[in-house]
Each structure stands twice: as structure tokens, then as C-alpha cells.
Amino acid sequence: MAERGDGGGQQAACGHDSYRTPLASRYASPEMCFVFSDRYKFRTWRQLWLWLAEAEQTLGLPITDEQIQEMKSNLDNIDFKMAAEEEKQLRHDVMAHVHTFGHCCPKAAAIIHLGATSCYVGDNTDLIILRNAFDLLLPKACSADHSWETLLPLDSRSLHGSAELEACPR
């Protein structure tokens, strides 16, 4: 068993690479569990901070190529234990991960999250996760042996012929 990154004891061996819930373990694919995992979420935060720094550099802020490269090199280097300890101290999940990312990117630490709000990473990550989850789900739903009507609630008959139903090839 791997130690939980939030300091809360033990969890399944899949650790931070899979979303954990009884429903997910019964019904979700490994790919879908990964899309909703802590690793995917916090890696996406880091990717968003990298894109932000690259855009800010393009706009003329004093951000060096060395800082950008350091961030690129550490996108997957997530210390969940350190992030959990930082969050206990700071009582703020985003700032805990800013500090954790900054720890492995000391040259870039001052520019990580520069000018951003917590919503920048939180809201954009939620949208990215939902888009990627639908990218996994929709091809399976559209290729199922049954029609879209059977996937919708019974009271959705008023949608018949709508753009939502017609968007899925049969």
C-alpha cells in the first residue's frame, strides 16, 4: 500500500494515478480514473503555469528561457507528500502546489503563478478534465449497439431531432 499524499493514512496501491471511489472502481475505465486523478489534476496545474509563463515571456515580462525549461523539466516531478505538508501549513491547495513546484524549480519559483488567481488553475483544469473525459466517453457512447435515445432519460423524447441527438453518428 502506498502512503496517501494528504497525510491521511493508507490507500490503494494505485496512489495518485487513479480517481478513488467505489463507483469508479466498479464502472470506470482505468483511463477515465486517470483523467480524474490527483496526478492528472496537479500535472495540469503545472502545465497551465508553464503556458502562463511562456505567454508572459512573449509579452515582455522578465522571464528567462532557463526558467521556462526548468518548469518544462519538472511537470511530472510532483512531491505529493510535500504538497500535503504545505497545504497543512498554508491551508490553501493552490499555494501549496505553487510552493511544491517552486521547490523543484528554484530558478522559476518567483514566476510560477505570476499574476494568476487560484481560479486560473482550478477552473481551467476542471474544463480540461471534463473535455478529456468526454473525449473518452463520447466515442464509446456513439458506437454502442443502442441508439442515443436509450442513453437519455425517458422524458427526453422532446429532444428527438435536436442538434444534441443528431451530433452523434449512428
C-alpha atoms as a PDB file:
ATOM      1  CA  MET A   1       0.000   0.000   0.000  1.00  0.00           C
ATOM      2  CA  ALA A   2       1.219   3.462  -0.874  1.00  0.00           C
ATOM      3  CA  GLU A   3       1.058   6.323   1.571  1.00  0.00           C
ATOM      4  CA  ARG A   4      -1.571   8.934   0.848  1.00  0.00           C
ATOM      5  CA  GLY A   5      -0.195  12.285  -0.168  1.00  0.00           C
ATOM      6  CA  ASP A   6      -2.669  14.124   2.060  1.00  0.00           C
ATOM      7  CA  GLY A   7      -1.170  12.587   5.198  1.00  0.00           C
ATOM      8  CA  GLY A   8      -4.374  10.670   5.845  1.00  0.00           C
ATOM      9  CA  GLY A   9      -3.014   7.145   6.163  1.00  0.00           C
ATOM     10  CA  GLN A  10      -3.150   4.366   3.585  1.00  0.00           C
ATOM     11  CA  GLN A  11      -4.841   3.954   0.216  1.00  0.00           C
ATOM     12  CA  ALA A  12      -4.926   1.543  -2.688  1.00  0.00           C
ATOM     13  CA  ALA A  13      -1.689   0.765  -4.483  1.00  0.00           C
ATOM     14  CA  CYS A  14      -2.739   2.936  -7.441  1.00  0.00           C
ATOM     15  CA  GLY A  15      -1.834   6.017  -5.381  1.00  0.00           C
ATOM     16  CA  HIS A  16      -2.242   9.382  -7.045  1.00  0.00           C
ATOM     17  CA  ASP A  17      -2.640   7.922 -10.537  1.00  0.00           C
ATOM     18  CA  SER A  18      -6.302   6.988 -10.224  1.00  0.00           C
ATOM     19  CA  TYR A  19      -9.538   8.560  -9.040  1.00  0.00           C
ATOM     20  CA  ARG A  20     -10.731   6.695  -5.964  1.00  0.00           C
ATOM     21  CA  THR A  21     -14.373   5.939  -5.284  1.00  0.00           C
ATOM     22  CA  PRO A  22     -16.365   2.696  -5.042  1.00  0.00           C
ATOM     23  CA  LEU A  23     -18.299   3.643  -8.195  1.00  0.00           C
ATOM     24  CA  ALA A  24     -15.124   4.324 -10.186  1.00  0.00           C
ATOM     25  CA  SER A  25     -13.608   1.006  -9.149  1.00  0.00           C
ATOM     26  CA  ARG A  26     -16.733  -0.795 -10.387  1.00  0.00           C
ATOM     27  CA  TYR A  27     -17.684   1.139 -13.510  1.00  0.00           C
ATOM     28  CA  ALA A  28     -14.959   3.488 -14.772  1.00  0.00           C
ATOM     29  CA  SER A  29     -12.158   2.556 -17.147  1.00  0.00           C
ATOM     30  CA  PRO A  30      -8.546   2.933 -15.990  1.00  0.00           C
ATOM     31  CA  GLU A  31      -8.191   5.789 -18.496  1.00  0.00           C
ATOM     32  CA  MET A  32     -11.176   7.638 -17.018  1.00  0.00           C
ATOM     33  CA  CYS A  33      -9.882   7.116 -13.480  1.00  0.00           C
ATOM     34  CA  PHE A  34      -6.549   8.604 -14.527  1.00  0.00           C
ATOM     35  CA  VAL A  35      -8.214  11.686 -16.077  1.00  0.00           C
ATOM     36  CA  PHE A  36      -9.841  12.396 -12.688  1.00  0.00           C
ATOM     37  CA  SER A  37      -6.737  11.507 -10.644  1.00  0.00           C
ATOM     38  CA  ASP A  38      -4.662  13.796  -8.428  1.00  0.00           C
ATOM     39  CA  ARG A  39      -1.640  13.262 -10.655  1.00  0.00           C
ATOM     40  CA  TYR A  40      -3.525  14.440 -13.758  1.00  0.00           C
ATOM     41  CA  LYS A  41      -5.050  17.402 -11.916  1.00  0.00           C
ATOM     42  CA  PHE A  42      -1.806  18.704 -10.461  1.00  0.00           C
ATOM     43  CA  ARG A  43       0.187  17.993 -13.620  1.00  0.00           C
ATOM     44  CA  THR A  44      -2.408  20.068 -15.484  1.00  0.00           C
ATOM     45  CA  TRP A  45      -1.939  22.900 -12.955  1.00  0.00           C
ATOM     46  CA  ARG A  46       1.781  22.811 -13.733  1.00  0.00           C
ATOM     47  CA  GLN A  47       1.127  22.803 -17.474  1.00  0.00           C
ATOM     48  CA  LEU A  48      -1.119  25.843 -17.080  1.00  0.00           C
ATOM     49  CA  TRP A  49       1.588  27.657 -15.072  1.00  0.00           C
ATOM     50  CA  LEU A  50       4.082  26.839 -17.819  1.00  0.00           C
ATOM     51  CA  TRP A  51       1.751  28.186 -20.531  1.00  0.00           C
ATOM     52  CA  LEU A  52       1.187  31.304 -18.437  1.00  0.00           C
ATOM     53  CA  ALA A  53       4.939  31.886 -18.048  1.00  0.00           C
ATOM     54  CA  GLU A  54       5.504  31.358 -21.781  1.00  0.00           C
ATOM     55  CA  ALA A  55       2.747  33.862 -22.616  1.00  0.00           C
ATOM     56  CA  GLU A  56       4.096  36.368 -20.103  1.00  0.00           C
ATOM     57  CA  GLN A  57       7.597  35.991 -21.563  1.00  0.00           C
ATOM     58  CA  THR A  58       6.179  36.646 -25.037  1.00  0.00           C
ATOM     59  CA  LEU A  59       4.543  39.810 -23.681  1.00  0.00           C
ATOM     60  CA  GLY A  60       7.917  41.039 -22.438  1.00  0.00           C
ATOM     61  CA  LEU A  61       7.962  40.099 -18.757  1.00  0.00           C
ATOM     62  CA  PRO A  62      11.466  39.289 -17.471  1.00  0.00           C
ATOM     63  CA  ILE A  63      11.090  35.503 -17.658  1.00  0.00           C
ATOM     64  CA  THR A  64      14.121  33.606 -18.922  1.00  0.00           C
ATOM     65  CA  ASP A  65      14.330  30.600 -21.201  1.00  0.00           C
ATOM     66  CA  GLU A  66      16.136  28.868 -18.352  1.00  0.00           C
ATOM     67  CA  GLN A  67      13.102  29.346 -16.050  1.00  0.00           C
ATOM     68  CA  ILE A  68      10.769  28.034 -18.763  1.00  0.00           C
ATOM     69  CA  GLN A  69      12.988  24.994 -19.342  1.00  0.00           C
ATOM     70  CA  GLU A  70      13.179  24.284 -15.613  1.00  0.00           C
ATOM     71  CA  MET A  71       9.376  24.270 -15.427  1.00  0.00           C
ATOM     72  CA  LYS A  72       9.101  22.005 -18.500  1.00  0.00           C
ATOM     73  CA  SER A  73      11.575  19.569 -16.963  1.00  0.00           C
ATOM     74  CA  ASN A  74       9.561  19.244 -13.749  1.00  0.00           C
ATOM     75  CA  LEU A  75       5.955  18.944 -14.941  1.00  0.00           C
ATOM     76  CA  ASP A  76       5.757  15.327 -13.773  1.00  0.00           C
ATOM     77  CA  ASN A  77       8.018  15.676 -10.719  1.00  0.00           C
ATOM     78  CA  ILE A  78       5.207  16.038  -8.158  1.00  0.00           C
ATOM     79  CA  ASP A  79       6.051  15.510  -4.492  1.00  0.00           C
ATOM     80  CA  PHE A  80       2.601  14.728  -3.076  1.00  0.00           C
ATOM     81  CA  LYS A  81       3.881  14.405   0.467  1.00  0.00           C
ATOM     82  CA  MET A  82       5.473  17.861   0.355  1.00  0.00           C
ATOM     83  CA  ALA A  83       2.301  19.330  -1.164  1.00  0.00           C
ATOM     84  CA  ALA A  84       0.221  17.829   1.651  1.00  0.00           C
ATOM     85  CA  GLU A  85       2.577  19.258   4.268  1.00  0.00           C
ATOM     86  CA  GLU A  86       2.496  22.674   2.574  1.00  0.00           C
ATOM     87  CA  GLU A  87      -1.300  22.576   2.444  1.00  0.00           C
ATOM     88  CA  LYS A  88      -1.499  21.831   6.179  1.00  0.00           C
ATOM     89  CA  GLN A  89       0.659  24.908   6.831  1.00  0.00           C
ATOM     90  CA  LEU A  90      -0.858  27.253   4.265  1.00  0.00           C
ATOM     91  CA  ARG A  91      -4.436  25.938   4.298  1.00  0.00           C
ATOM     92  CA  HIS A  92      -4.573  26.599   0.558  1.00  0.00           C
ATOM     93  CA  ASP A  93      -4.259  23.860  -2.064  1.00  0.00           C
ATOM     94  CA  VAL A  94      -3.109  26.035  -4.954  1.00  0.00           C
ATOM     95  CA  MET A  95      -0.424  27.844  -2.965  1.00  0.00           C
ATOM     96  CA  ALA A  96       0.741  24.508  -1.560  1.00  0.00           C
ATOM     97  CA  HIS A  97       1.356  23.307  -5.110  1.00  0.00           C
ATOM     98  CA  VAL A  98       2.948  26.620  -6.131  1.00  0.00           C
ATOM     99  CA  HIS A  99       5.474  26.123  -3.310  1.00  0.00           C
ATOM    100  CA  THR A 100       5.956  22.439  -4.150  1.00  0.00           C
ATOM    101  CA  PHE A 101       6.556  23.199  -7.839  1.00  0.00           C
ATOM    102  CA  GLY A 102       8.859  26.051  -6.830  1.00  0.00           C
ATOM    103  CA  HIS A 103      10.872  23.681  -4.662  1.00  0.00           C
ATOM    104  CA  CYS A 104      11.834  21.584  -7.684  1.00  0.00           C
ATOM    105  CA  CYS A 105      12.140  24.697  -9.887  1.00  0.00           C
ATOM    106  CA  PRO A 106      14.149  27.125  -7.722  1.00  0.00           C
ATOM    107  CA  LYS A 107      15.076  29.394 -10.655  1.00  0.00           C
ATOM    108  CA  ALA A 108      11.427  29.631 -11.720  1.00  0.00           C
ATOM    109  CA  ALA A 109       9.879  29.767  -8.241  1.00  0.00           C
ATOM    110  CA  ALA A 110       9.304  33.525  -8.355  1.00  0.00           C
ATOM    111  CA  ILE A 111       7.381  33.402 -11.641  1.00  0.00           C
ATOM    112  CA  ILE A 112       5.181  30.334 -11.026  1.00  0.00           C
ATOM    113  CA  HIS A 113       1.552  31.534 -10.838  1.00  0.00           C
ATOM    114  CA  LEU A 114       2.697  35.124 -11.547  1.00  0.00           C
ATOM    115  CA  GLY A 115      -0.360  37.350 -11.973  1.00  0.00           C
ATOM    116  CA  ALA A 116      -2.797  34.444 -11.739  1.00  0.00           C
ATOM    117  CA  THR A 117      -5.616  33.635  -9.358  1.00  0.00           C
ATOM    118  CA  SER A 118      -6.436  30.234  -7.916  1.00  0.00           C
ATOM    119  CA  CYS A 119      -9.348  30.107 -10.334  1.00  0.00           C
ATOM    120  CA  TYR A 120      -6.901  30.244 -13.246  1.00  0.00           C
ATOM    121  CA  VAL A 121      -5.639  26.751 -12.461  1.00  0.00           C
ATOM    122  CA  GLY A 122      -8.754  25.400 -10.757  1.00  0.00           C
ATOM    123  CA  ASP A 123     -11.380  26.376 -13.310  1.00  0.00           C
ATOM    124  CA  ASN A 124      -9.248  25.724 -16.389  1.00  0.00           C
ATOM    125  CA  THR A 125      -8.192  22.338 -15.051  1.00  0.00           C
ATOM    126  CA  ASP A 126     -11.828  21.393 -14.436  1.00  0.00           C
ATOM    127  CA  LEU A 127     -12.656  22.295 -18.041  1.00  0.00           C
ATOM    128  CA  ILE A 128      -9.670  20.356 -19.396  1.00  0.00           C
ATOM    129  CA  ILE A 129     -10.568  17.303 -17.317  1.00  0.00           C
ATOM    130  CA  LEU A 130     -14.213  17.397 -18.425  1.00  0.00           C
ATOM    131  CA  ARG A 131     -13.223  17.822 -22.086  1.00  0.00           C
ATOM    132  CA  ASN A 132     -10.817  14.887 -21.876  1.00  0.00           C
ATOM    133  CA  ALA A 133     -13.379  12.753 -20.049  1.00  0.00           C
ATOM    134  CA  PHE A 134     -15.915  13.439 -22.804  1.00  0.00           C
ATOM    135  CA  ASP A 135     -13.242  12.585 -25.385  1.00  0.00           C
ATOM    136  CA  LEU A 136     -13.072   9.146 -23.737  1.00  0.00           C
ATOM    137  CA  LEU A 137     -16.807   8.741 -23.216  1.00  0.00           C
ATOM    138  CA  LEU A 138     -18.454  10.020 -26.386  1.00  0.00           C
ATOM    139  CA  PRO A 139     -16.829   7.642 -28.898  1.00  0.00           C
ATOM    140  CA  LYS A 140     -17.916   4.710 -26.725  1.00  0.00           C
ATOM    141  CA  ALA A 141     -21.453   6.058 -26.377  1.00  0.00           C
ATOM    142  CA  CYS A 142     -21.753   6.796 -30.094  1.00  0.00           C
ATOM    143  CA  SER A 143     -20.531   3.345 -31.088  1.00  0.00           C
ATOM    144  CA  ALA A 144     -22.820   1.473 -28.705  1.00  0.00           C
ATOM    145  CA  ASP A 145     -25.274  -1.025 -30.139  1.00  0.00           C
ATOM    146  CA  HIS A 146     -28.203   1.064 -28.971  1.00  0.00           C
ATOM    147  CA  SER A 147     -29.432   4.433 -30.130  1.00  0.00           C
ATOM    148  CA  TRP A 148     -28.859   7.729 -28.336  1.00  0.00           C
ATOM    149  CA  GLU A 149     -32.464   7.699 -27.156  1.00  0.00           C
ATOM    150  CA  THR A 150     -31.736   4.778 -24.827  1.00  0.00           C
ATOM    151  CA  LEU A 151     -28.866   6.740 -23.253  1.00  0.00           C
ATOM    152  CA  LEU A 152     -31.116   9.670 -22.384  1.00  0.00           C
ATOM    153  CA  PRO A 153     -33.803   9.862 -19.687  1.00  0.00           C
ATOM    154  CA  LEU A 154     -37.292   8.806 -20.779  1.00  0.00           C
ATOM    155  CA  ASP A 155     -38.596  12.378 -20.615  1.00  0.00           C
ATOM    156  CA  SER A 156     -36.056  13.467 -23.214  1.00  0.00           C
ATOM    157  CA  ARG A 157     -38.298  12.441 -26.110  1.00  0.00           C
ATOM    158  CA  SER A 158     -38.842  16.134 -26.764  1.00  0.00           C
ATOM    159  CA  LEU A 159     -35.169  16.273 -27.798  1.00  0.00           C
ATOM    160  CA  HIS A 160     -35.757  13.909 -30.716  1.00  0.00           C
ATOM    161  CA  GLY A 161     -34.405  15.524 -33.839  1.00  0.00           C
ATOM    162  CA  SER A 162     -32.441  18.096 -31.834  1.00  0.00           C
ATOM    163  CA  ALA A 163     -28.849  19.044 -32.594  1.00  0.00           C
ATOM    164  CA  GLU A 164     -27.695  17.270 -29.414  1.00  0.00           C
ATOM    165  CA  LEU A 165     -29.037  13.930 -30.637  1.00  0.00           C
ATOM    166  CA  GLU A 166     -28.084  14.423 -34.258  1.00  0.00           C
ATOM    167  CA  ALA A 167     -24.466  15.272 -33.360  1.00  0.00           C
ATOM    168  CA  CYS A 168     -23.753  11.639 -32.587  1.00  0.00           C
ATOM    169  CA  PRO A 169     -23.308   9.479 -35.689  1.00  0.00           C
ATOM    170  CA  ARG A 170     -25.348   6.299 -35.687  1.00  0.00           C
END
